[in-house]
Amino acid sequence: MVAPGANITELDYSEQVPLTLKQGLNVINLSYGLEEPVSGYRLEQSIVDAARAGAAVFTKAAGNGSVAVDTLADGDIDFLALDLIGKQSAIFVGALEGNGTPENQTRLASYSNYAGSDSEVQNHFLTVGVESDKTGLTGTSVAASVVAGYAAILGSKFTSATPTQITNQLLDTARTDTLVNYDAATYGRGEASLSRALAPVVIR
């Protein structure tokens, strides 16, 4: 719905084959978690390796346990999230109650995981509005797919930009004035802003 012109390929995470990237900008939406170490899974290990190398933009759902990304929720922890911390082209995405404005600020959805105290998570954490009244959908899985769409749109304008440059553009142009009591431990870099990310003529 966000980037209808993008070429979309479904990735079946039950098929444990290494990630295959296509020519051009690849944006991989990770709207799932992994409750066992990544080292035992060929696909997820290749995803982490590609994020480390900056080979694609990876949008990772922050999770719906109302905890920090890197902590236990109901006795489980997302090992895929843990292994993506500090990787140059990975973005964690939390869900907001709606899209905010400076005049009508919004807050983190009650179910959404938040950035927490780790500065590496904070620096790669974005939030975006999930308006279930319009889509019938909720959760950080929806939020992550919205940011994936933003990344695809950026790639259609900044055609020579690398995945890491696209990632950084989204992070660097996030808004904090649209959020109630902005704090990096809650919102990371802030609310993703497609219009601000698209504003410059070029990105570096």
C-alpha atoms as a PDB file:
ATOM      1  CA  MET A   1       0.000   0.000   0.000  1.00  0.00           C
ATOM      2  CA  VAL A   2       2.934   2.338   0.659  1.00  0.00           C
ATOM      3  CA  ALA A   3       5.034   1.634  -2.456  1.00  0.00           C
ATOM      4  CA  PRO A   4       2.696  -0.039  -4.971  1.00  0.00           C
ATOM      5  CA  GLY A   5       5.200   0.402  -7.790  1.00  0.00           C
ATOM      6  CA  ALA A   6       7.877  -1.682  -6.103  1.00  0.00           C
ATOM      7  CA  ASN A   7       8.670  -5.179  -7.299  1.00  0.00           C
ATOM      8  CA  ILE A   8       7.597  -7.390  -4.395  1.00  0.00           C
ATOM      9  CA  THR A   9       8.913 -10.898  -3.784  1.00  0.00           C
ATOM     10  CA  GLU A  10       7.614 -13.071  -0.987  1.00  0.00           C
ATOM     11  CA  LEU A  11      10.308 -14.549   1.242  1.00  0.00           C
ATOM     12  CA  ASP A  12       9.306 -17.820   2.907  1.00  0.00           C
ATOM     13  CA  TYR A  13      11.296 -17.992   6.114  1.00  0.00           C
ATOM     14  CA  SER A  14      10.335 -21.653   6.563  1.00  0.00           C
ATOM     15  CA  GLU A  15      12.567 -22.488   3.592  1.00  0.00           C
ATOM     16  CA  GLN A  16      16.050 -22.393   5.033  1.00  0.00           C
ATOM     17  CA  VAL A  17      18.041 -21.272   2.015  1.00  0.00           C
ATOM     18  CA  PRO A  18      20.431 -18.292   2.054  1.00  0.00           C
ATOM     19  CA  LEU A  19      19.044 -14.903   1.104  1.00  0.00           C
ATOM     20  CA  THR A  20      19.301 -14.136  -2.612  1.00  0.00           C
ATOM     21  CA  LEU A  21      19.482 -10.458  -3.517  1.00  0.00           C
ATOM     22  CA  LYS A  22      18.343  -9.032  -6.823  1.00  0.00           C
ATOM     23  CA  GLN A  23      19.996  -6.316  -8.868  1.00  0.00           C
ATOM     24  CA  GLY A  24      19.331  -2.791  -7.651  1.00  0.00           C
ATOM     25  CA  LEU A  25      18.115  -1.739  -4.221  1.00  0.00           C
ATOM     26  CA  ASN A  26      16.818  -4.595  -2.090  1.00  0.00           C
ATOM     27  CA  VAL A  27      14.537  -3.826   0.854  1.00  0.00           C
ATOM     28  CA  ILE A  28      13.833  -6.807   3.097  1.00  0.00           C
ATOM     29  CA  ASN A  29      10.954  -6.553   5.552  1.00  0.00           C
ATOM     30  CA  LEU A  30      11.389  -8.789   8.588  1.00  0.00           C
ATOM     31  CA  SER A  31       7.969  -8.929  10.234  1.00  0.00           C
ATOM     32  CA  TYR A  32       8.828 -11.924  12.382  1.00  0.00           C
ATOM     33  CA  GLY A  33      11.149 -12.977  15.184  1.00  0.00           C
ATOM     34  CA  LEU A  34      13.347 -15.975  15.903  1.00  0.00           C
ATOM     35  CA  GLU A  35      13.313 -17.626  19.316  1.00  0.00           C
ATOM     36  CA  GLU A  36      16.488 -19.669  18.779  1.00  0.00           C
ATOM     37  CA  PRO A  37      20.074 -18.597  17.967  1.00  0.00           C
ATOM     38  CA  VAL A  38      20.505 -17.328  14.424  1.00  0.00           C
ATOM     39  CA  SER A  39      23.579 -19.512  13.897  1.00  0.00           C
ATOM     40  CA  GLY A  40      21.298 -22.530  13.462  1.00  0.00           C
ATOM     41  CA  TYR A  41      19.352 -20.982  10.576  1.00  0.00           C
ATOM     42  CA  ARG A  42      20.885 -20.484   7.128  1.00  0.00           C
ATOM     43  CA  LEU A  43      18.410 -17.830   5.999  1.00  0.00           C
ATOM     44  CA  GLU A  44      18.607 -15.689   9.115  1.00  0.00           C
ATOM     45  CA  GLN A  45      22.395 -15.979   9.304  1.00  0.00           C
ATOM     46  CA  SER A  46      22.609 -14.749   5.699  1.00  0.00           C
ATOM     47  CA  ILE A  47      20.254 -11.872   6.581  1.00  0.00           C
ATOM     48  CA  VAL A  48      22.489 -10.801   9.467  1.00  0.00           C
ATOM     49  CA  ASP A  49      25.576 -11.077   7.256  1.00  0.00           C
ATOM     50  CA  ALA A  50      23.939  -8.956   4.539  1.00  0.00           C
ATOM     51  CA  ALA A  51      22.874  -6.305   7.086  1.00  0.00           C
ATOM     52  CA  ARG A  52      26.430  -6.210   8.435  1.00  0.00           C
ATOM     53  CA  ALA A  53      27.747  -5.644   4.904  1.00  0.00           C
ATOM     54  CA  GLY A  54      25.056  -3.072   4.068  1.00  0.00           C
ATOM     55  CA  ALA A  55      23.901  -5.160   1.108  1.00  0.00           C
ATOM     56  CA  ALA A  56      20.184  -4.348   1.527  1.00  0.00           C
ATOM     57  CA  VAL A  57      17.881  -2.291   3.726  1.00  0.00           C
ATOM     58  CA  PHE A  58      16.368  -4.458   6.456  1.00  0.00           C
ATOM     59  CA  THR A  59      13.296  -3.283   8.370  1.00  0.00           C
ATOM     60  CA  LYS A  60      12.811  -5.390  11.495  1.00  0.00           C
ATOM     61  CA  ALA A  61       9.569  -5.398  13.475  1.00  0.00           C
ATOM     62  CA  ALA A  62      10.508  -4.355  17.002  1.00  0.00           C
ATOM     63  CA  GLY A  63       8.065  -6.819  18.565  1.00  0.00           C
ATOM     64  CA  ASN A  64       4.800  -6.590  20.458  1.00  0.00           C
ATOM     65  CA  GLY A  65       5.794  -7.438  24.028  1.00  0.00           C
ATOM     66  CA  SER A  66       5.905  -3.903  25.498  1.00  0.00           C
ATOM     67  CA  VAL A  67       9.590  -4.364  26.372  1.00  0.00           C
ATOM     68  CA  ALA A  68      12.923  -3.100  25.086  1.00  0.00           C
ATOM     69  CA  VAL A  69      14.009  -4.738  21.820  1.00  0.00           C
ATOM     70  CA  ASP A  70      16.898  -6.596  23.454  1.00  0.00           C
ATOM     71  CA  THR A  71      15.063  -8.016  26.483  1.00  0.00           C
ATOM     72  CA  LEU A  72      12.883 -11.002  27.308  1.00  0.00           C
ATOM     73  CA  ALA A  73       9.155 -10.938  26.622  1.00  0.00           C
ATOM     74  CA  ASP A  74       7.126 -13.728  28.227  1.00  0.00           C
ATOM     75  CA  GLY A  75      10.307 -15.729  28.724  1.00  0.00           C
ATOM     76  CA  ASP A  76      11.405 -15.480  25.095  1.00  0.00           C
ATOM     77  CA  ILE A  77      13.859 -13.242  23.289  1.00  0.00           C
ATOM     78  CA  ASP A  78      14.124 -12.440  19.587  1.00  0.00           C
ATOM     79  CA  PHE A  79      17.545 -13.716  18.543  1.00  0.00           C
ATOM     80  CA  LEU A  80      17.183 -12.218  15.059  1.00  0.00           C
ATOM     81  CA  ALA A  81      16.726  -8.791  16.620  1.00  0.00           C
ATOM     82  CA  LEU A  82      19.734  -9.325  18.891  1.00  0.00           C
ATOM     83  CA  ASP A  83      21.977 -10.226  15.981  1.00  0.00           C
ATOM     84  CA  LEU A  84      20.840  -7.229  13.921  1.00  0.00           C
ATOM     85  CA  ILE A  85      21.900  -4.748  16.619  1.00  0.00           C
ATOM     86  CA  GLY A  86      24.748  -2.618  15.314  1.00  0.00           C
ATOM     87  CA  LYS A  87      24.350  -3.739  11.687  1.00  0.00           C
ATOM     88  CA  GLN A  88      24.695  -0.805   9.311  1.00  0.00           C
ATOM     89  CA  SER A  89      21.597  -1.244   7.149  1.00  0.00           C
ATOM     90  CA  ALA A  90      19.125  -2.585   9.722  1.00  0.00           C
ATOM     91  CA  ILE A  91      16.239  -0.530  11.114  1.00  0.00           C
ATOM     92  CA  PHE A  92      14.105  -1.593  14.072  1.00  0.00           C
ATOM     93  CA  VAL A  93      10.543  -0.306  13.777  1.00  0.00           C
ATOM     94  CA  GLY A  94       8.108   0.344  16.619  1.00  0.00           C
ATOM     95  CA  ALA A  95       4.427   1.185  16.279  1.00  0.00           C
ATOM     96  CA  LEU A  96       2.763   4.466  17.201  1.00  0.00           C
ATOM     97  CA  GLU A  97      -0.923   4.892  18.011  1.00  0.00           C
ATOM     98  CA  GLY A  98      -1.238   7.020  14.885  1.00  0.00           C
ATOM     99  CA  ASN A  99       0.640   9.476  12.720  1.00  0.00           C
ATOM    100  CA  GLY A 100       1.716  12.504  14.749  1.00  0.00           C
ATOM    101  CA  THR A 101       1.967  16.209  14.031  1.00  0.00           C
ATOM    102  CA  PRO A 102       3.484  18.979  16.165  1.00  0.00           C
ATOM    103  CA  GLU A 103      -0.058  20.124  16.975  1.00  0.00           C
ATOM    104  CA  ASN A 104      -1.423  16.622  17.629  1.00  0.00           C
ATOM    105  CA  GLN A 105       1.414  14.518  18.981  1.00  0.00           C
ATOM    106  CA  THR A 106       1.166  10.750  19.157  1.00  0.00           C
ATOM    107  CA  ARG A 107       2.646   8.119  21.457  1.00  0.00           C
ATOM    108  CA  LEU A 108       4.023   4.609  21.265  1.00  0.00           C
ATOM    109  CA  ALA A 109       1.308   1.970  20.989  1.00  0.00           C
ATOM    110  CA  SER A 110       0.848   0.138  24.283  1.00  0.00           C
ATOM    111  CA  TYR A 111       1.863  -3.217  22.771  1.00  0.00           C
ATOM    112  CA  SER A 112       4.954  -1.995  20.922  1.00  0.00           C
ATOM    113  CA  ASN A 113       8.467  -2.826  21.995  1.00  0.00           C
ATOM    114  CA  TYR A 114      10.637   0.243  22.457  1.00  0.00           C
ATOM    115  CA  ALA A 115      14.285   1.103  21.859  1.00  0.00           C
ATOM    116  CA  GLY A 116      15.573   0.674  25.408  1.00  0.00           C
ATOM    117  CA  SER A 117      18.879   1.826  26.858  1.00  0.00           C
ATOM    118  CA  ASP A 118      21.261   0.410  24.230  1.00  0.00           C
ATOM    119  CA  SER A 119      22.504   3.344  22.138  1.00  0.00           C
ATOM    120  CA  GLU A 120      23.087   1.069  19.129  1.00  0.00           C
ATOM    121  CA  VAL A 121      19.421   0.105  19.161  1.00  0.00           C
ATOM    122  CA  GLN A 122      18.331   3.718  19.717  1.00  0.00           C
ATOM    123  CA  ASN A 123      20.392   4.892  16.737  1.00  0.00           C
ATOM    124  CA  HIS A 124      18.670   2.392  14.411  1.00  0.00           C
ATOM    125  CA  PHE A 125      15.132   2.544  15.808  1.00  0.00           C
ATOM    126  CA  LEU A 126      12.236   4.315  14.077  1.00  0.00           C
ATOM    127  CA  THR A 127       8.543   4.536  14.828  1.00  0.00           C
ATOM    128  CA  VAL A 128       5.599   4.953  12.490  1.00  0.00           C
ATOM    129  CA  GLY A 129       1.858   5.275  12.909  1.00  0.00           C
ATOM    130  CA  VAL A 130      -0.281   2.156  12.685  1.00  0.00           C
ATOM    131  CA  GLU A 131      -3.859   3.279  12.171  1.00  0.00           C
ATOM    132  CA  SER A 132      -5.920   0.134  12.536  1.00  0.00           C
ATOM    133  CA  ASP A 133      -9.155   1.992  11.833  1.00  0.00           C
ATOM    134  CA  LYS A 134      -7.972   2.456   8.234  1.00  0.00           C
ATOM    135  CA  THR A 135      -6.326  -0.906   7.578  1.00  0.00           C
ATOM    136  CA  GLY A 136      -7.773  -3.301  10.137  1.00  0.00           C
ATOM    137  CA  LEU A 137      -4.185  -4.231  11.009  1.00  0.00           C
ATOM    138  CA  THR A 138      -2.061  -3.637  14.097  1.00  0.00           C
ATOM    139  CA  GLY A 139       1.388  -4.544  15.370  1.00  0.00           C
ATOM    140  CA  THR A 140       4.996  -3.720  14.697  1.00  0.00           C
ATOM    141  CA  SER A 141       4.882  -6.111  11.737  1.00  0.00           C
ATOM    142  CA  VAL A 142       2.672  -3.549  10.012  1.00  0.00           C
ATOM    143  CA  ALA A 143       4.925  -0.690  11.116  1.00  0.00           C
ATOM    144  CA  ALA A 144       8.019  -2.389   9.697  1.00  0.00           C
ATOM    145  CA  SER A 145       6.350  -2.932   6.332  1.00  0.00           C
ATOM    146  CA  VAL A 146       5.456   0.772   6.145  1.00  0.00           C
ATOM    147  CA  VAL A 147       9.098   1.759   6.651  1.00  0.00           C
ATOM    148  CA  ALA A 148      10.102  -0.844   4.060  1.00  0.00           C
ATOM    149  CA  GLY A 149       7.782   0.962   1.656  1.00  0.00           C
ATOM    150  CA  TYR A 150       9.413   4.274   2.543  1.00  0.00           C
ATOM    151  CA  ALA A 151      12.833   2.791   1.775  1.00  0.00           C
ATOM    152  CA  ALA A 152      11.628   1.542  -1.611  1.00  0.00           C
ATOM    153  CA  ILE A 153      10.263   4.987  -2.466  1.00  0.00           C
ATOM    154  CA  LEU A 154      13.564   6.614  -1.482  1.00  0.00           C
ATOM    155  CA  GLY A 155      15.387   4.157  -3.699  1.00  0.00           C
ATOM    156  CA  SER A 156      13.203   5.146  -6.657  1.00  0.00           C
ATOM    157  CA  LYS A 157      14.339   8.773  -6.269  1.00  0.00           C
ATOM    158  CA  PHE A 158      17.930   8.318  -5.128  1.00  0.00           C
ATOM    159  CA  THR A 159      18.787   5.625  -7.635  1.00  0.00           C
ATOM    160  CA  SER A 160      22.540   5.622  -6.979  1.00  0.00           C
ATOM    161  CA  ALA A 161      22.224   5.534  -3.181  1.00  0.00           C
ATOM    162  CA  THR A 162      23.480   2.496  -1.310  1.00  0.00           C
ATOM    163  CA  PRO A 163      21.265   0.575   1.126  1.00  0.00           C
ATOM    164  CA  THR A 164      23.192   2.109   4.010  1.00  0.00           C
ATOM    165  CA  GLN A 165      22.650   5.618   2.629  1.00  0.00           C
ATOM    166  CA  ILE A 166      18.911   4.918   2.321  1.00  0.00           C
ATOM    167  CA  THR A 167      18.892   3.547   5.875  1.00  0.00           C
ATOM    168  CA  ASN A 168      20.717   6.585   7.239  1.00  0.00           C
ATOM    169  CA  GLN A 169      18.473   8.993   5.350  1.00  0.00           C
ATOM    170  CA  LEU A 170      15.398   7.515   7.000  1.00  0.00           C
ATOM    171  CA  LEU A 171      17.048   7.594  10.425  1.00  0.00           C
ATOM    172  CA  ASP A 172      18.519  11.090  10.074  1.00  0.00           C
ATOM    173  CA  THR A 173      15.259  12.700   8.930  1.00  0.00           C
ATOM    174  CA  ALA A 174      12.991  11.222  11.618  1.00  0.00           C
ATOM    175  CA  ARG A 175      10.858  13.698  13.576  1.00  0.00           C
ATOM    176  CA  THR A 176      10.759  14.084  17.322  1.00  0.00           C
ATOM    177  CA  ASP A 177       8.351  17.029  17.521  1.00  0.00           C
ATOM    178  CA  THR A 178       5.399  14.799  16.630  1.00  0.00           C
ATOM    179  CA  LEU A 179       5.838  12.545  19.674  1.00  0.00           C
ATOM    180  CA  VAL A 180       4.545  12.862  23.231  1.00  0.00           C
ATOM    181  CA  ASN A 181       7.467  13.298  25.657  1.00  0.00           C
ATOM    182  CA  TYR A 182      10.107  12.301  23.126  1.00  0.00           C
ATOM    183  CA  ASP A 183      12.828  10.140  24.629  1.00  0.00           C
ATOM    184  CA  ALA A 184      15.376   8.087  22.683  1.00  0.00           C
ATOM    185  CA  ALA A 185      14.898   5.097  24.990  1.00  0.00           C
ATOM    186  CA  THR A 186      11.256   4.978  23.917  1.00  0.00           C
ATOM    187  CA  TYR A 187      11.205   6.252  20.343  1.00  0.00           C
ATOM    188  CA  GLY A 188      14.798   5.815  19.148  1.00  0.00           C
ATOM    189  CA  ARG A 189      15.410   8.366  16.403  1.00  0.00           C
ATOM    190  CA  GLY A 190      11.731   9.352  16.265  1.00  0.00           C
ATOM    191  CA  GLU A 191       8.843   9.098  13.826  1.00  0.00           C
ATOM    192  CA  ALA A 192       9.801   8.225  10.259  1.00  0.00           C
ATOM    193  CA  SER A 193       9.070  11.079   7.848  1.00  0.00           C
ATOM    194  CA  LEU A 194       8.887  10.193   4.168  1.00  0.00           C
ATOM    195  CA  SER A 195       8.520  13.835   3.085  1.00  0.00           C
ATOM    196  CA  ARG A 196      11.639  14.907   4.964  1.00  0.00           C
ATOM    197  CA  ALA A 197      13.599  11.922   3.697  1.00  0.00           C
ATOM    198  CA  LEU A 198      12.666  12.759   0.099  1.00  0.00           C
ATOM    199  CA  ALA A 199      13.345  16.493   0.428  1.00  0.00           C
ATOM    200  CA  PRO A 200      17.004  16.789  -0.663  1.00  0.00           C
ATOM    201  CA  VAL A 201      18.121  16.607  -4.276  1.00  0.00           C
ATOM    202  CA  VAL A 202      20.783  14.003  -3.460  1.00  0.00           C
ATOM    203  CA  ILE A 203      21.826  12.050  -0.394  1.00  0.00           C
ATOM    204  CA  ARG A 204      25.332  11.077   0.638  1.00  0.00           C
END
